[in-house]
Amino acid sequence: GTSIQVIRPSDDVELLKKYVMKQMENLESRISVGKGGGGVHVQASTLGSLEALLEFLNENGVAVASFGIGQINVKDVKRADGGQKLLLAFDVKVTRQAMHYADSKGIEIIQS
């Protein structure tokens, strides 16, 4: 799994951002994401939660088109528009604008 990072005031935040982005790229390469078209969009609150959820979905044959971390905005819902029109949200908030966009496009958001 991914490691836990603690950021101190003296740390180079930009360097840590690059490290986390590399971790996300590594996760994407290990999991079948966006291969074969279609699939659901997955959004989680943390990298560790996202990793566990993606591995669970992968093991159970659920196609994942894309993924993200943090609050769900309209741009995240748009990612689900091209796939199965389904967004799985784990421990994240959905903005009002994102919910309205999803409703207007017939995209289902399943929250836990």
Protein backbone atom coordinates (compact mmCIF):
# COMPACT_ATOMS: atom_id res chain seq x y z
CA GLY A 1 0.00 0.00 0.00
CA THR A 2 0.87 3.65 -0.04
CA SER A 3 2.81 5.21 2.80
CA ILE A 4 1.58 7.83 5.25
CA GLN A 5 3.13 11.27 4.87
CA VAL A 6 3.32 13.88 7.61
CA ILE A 7 3.91 17.44 6.46
CA ARG A 8 5.85 19.73 8.74
CA PRO A 9 6.11 23.51 8.33
CA SER A 10 9.73 23.13 7.18
CA ASP A 11 8.91 20.54 4.47
CA ASP A 12 9.00 21.29 0.75
CA VAL A 13 5.28 21.11 -0.07
CA GLU A 14 5.85 21.08 -3.83
CA LEU A 15 8.19 18.09 -3.52
CA LEU A 16 5.60 16.26 -1.42
CA LYS A 17 2.90 17.03 -4.00
CA LYS A 18 5.08 15.47 -6.69
CA TYR A 19 5.61 12.42 -4.48
CA VAL A 20 1.86 11.96 -3.95
CA MET A 21 1.16 12.39 -7.67
CA LYS A 22 3.74 9.67 -8.38
CA GLN A 23 1.94 7.44 -5.88
CA MET A 24 -1.33 8.05 -7.77
CA GLU A 25 0.36 7.17 -11.08
CA ASN A 26 1.74 3.98 -9.53
CA LEU A 27 -1.75 3.11 -8.28
CA GLU A 28 -3.21 3.65 -11.74
CA SER A 29 -0.57 1.38 -13.30
CA ARG A 30 -1.32 -1.43 -10.80
CA ILE A 31 -5.09 -1.27 -11.21
CA SER A 32 -6.93 -1.64 -14.51
CA VAL A 33 -8.11 1.95 -14.81
CA GLY A 34 -9.49 3.32 -18.04
CA LYS A 35 -8.65 0.19 -20.02
CA GLY A 36 -11.28 -1.04 -22.41
CA GLY A 37 -13.47 2.05 -22.12
CA GLY A 38 -16.47 2.55 -19.88
CA GLY A 39 -16.48 1.97 -16.17
CA VAL A 40 -17.30 3.96 -13.08
CA HIS A 41 -15.61 7.03 -11.62
CA VAL A 42 -14.35 6.52 -8.05
CA GLN A 43 -13.71 9.35 -5.59
CA ALA A 44 -12.34 8.90 -2.05
CA SER A 45 -11.24 11.10 0.82
CA THR A 46 -7.67 9.78 1.06
CA LEU A 47 -5.12 8.00 -1.09
CA GLY A 48 -5.22 4.95 1.19
CA SER A 49 -9.02 4.71 0.98
CA LEU A 50 -8.88 5.14 -2.76
CA GLU A 51 -6.26 2.42 -3.10
CA ALA A 52 -8.29 -0.06 -1.04
CA LEU A 53 -11.49 0.71 -2.92
CA LEU A 54 -9.85 0.44 -6.35
CA GLU A 55 -8.23 -2.88 -5.45
CA PHE A 56 -11.57 -4.22 -4.18
CA LEU A 57 -13.36 -3.16 -7.37
CA ASN A 58 -10.57 -4.58 -9.53
CA GLU A 59 -10.68 -7.95 -7.72
CA ASN A 60 -14.44 -8.09 -8.28
CA GLY A 61 -14.31 -7.28 -11.99
CA VAL A 62 -15.77 -3.77 -11.78
CA ALA A 63 -14.40 -1.57 -14.56
CA VAL A 64 -13.00 1.76 -13.34
CA ALA A 65 -12.77 4.56 -15.89
CA SER A 66 -11.21 7.21 -13.65
CA PHE A 67 -10.61 8.18 -10.03
CA GLY A 68 -9.86 11.12 -7.79
CA ILE A 69 -9.31 12.29 -4.23
CA GLY A 70 -11.32 14.89 -2.33
CA GLN A 71 -14.61 16.72 -2.63
CA ILE A 72 -16.68 15.98 -5.73
CA ASN A 73 -17.00 18.93 -8.08
CA VAL A 74 -18.62 19.25 -11.50
CA LYS A 75 -15.34 18.26 -13.21
CA ASP A 76 -15.41 14.95 -11.34
CA VAL A 77 -19.00 14.26 -12.36
CA LYS A 78 -18.08 15.02 -15.99
CA ARG A 79 -15.57 12.17 -15.81
CA ALA A 80 -18.46 9.80 -15.05
CA ASP A 81 -20.48 11.11 -17.99
CA GLY A 82 -18.60 9.05 -20.59
CA GLY A 83 -18.68 5.72 -18.76
CA GLN A 84 -21.46 3.89 -16.99
CA LYS A 85 -22.87 7.18 -15.67
CA LEU A 86 -22.03 6.09 -12.15
CA LEU A 87 -19.82 7.76 -9.55
CA LEU A 88 -18.82 5.95 -6.36
CA ALA A 89 -18.08 8.42 -3.55
CA PHE A 90 -16.36 7.23 -0.39
CA ASP A 91 -16.31 9.62 2.57
CA VAL A 92 -16.38 12.77 0.42
CA LYS A 93 -18.75 15.70 0.08
CA VAL A 94 -20.57 16.44 -3.17
CA THR A 95 -20.99 20.10 -4.06
CA ARG A 96 -24.47 21.37 -4.85
CA GLN A 97 -23.35 22.27 -8.38
CA ALA A 98 -21.98 18.75 -8.91
CA MET A 99 -25.25 17.20 -7.70
CA HIS A 100 -27.29 19.41 -10.05
CA TYR A 101 -25.03 18.55 -12.98
CA ALA A 102 -25.28 14.83 -12.20
CA ASP A 103 -29.08 15.05 -12.03
CA SER A 104 -29.27 16.91 -15.34
CA LYS A 105 -27.09 14.30 -17.09
CA GLY A 106 -28.64 11.21 -15.50
CA ILE A 107 -25.47 10.32 -13.61
CA GLU A 108 -25.97 8.39 -10.37
CA ILE A 109 -23.76 9.26 -7.39
CA ILE A 110 -23.54 6.55 -4.74
CA GLN A 111 -22.20 7.91 -1.45
CA SER A 112 -21.00 6.10 1.64
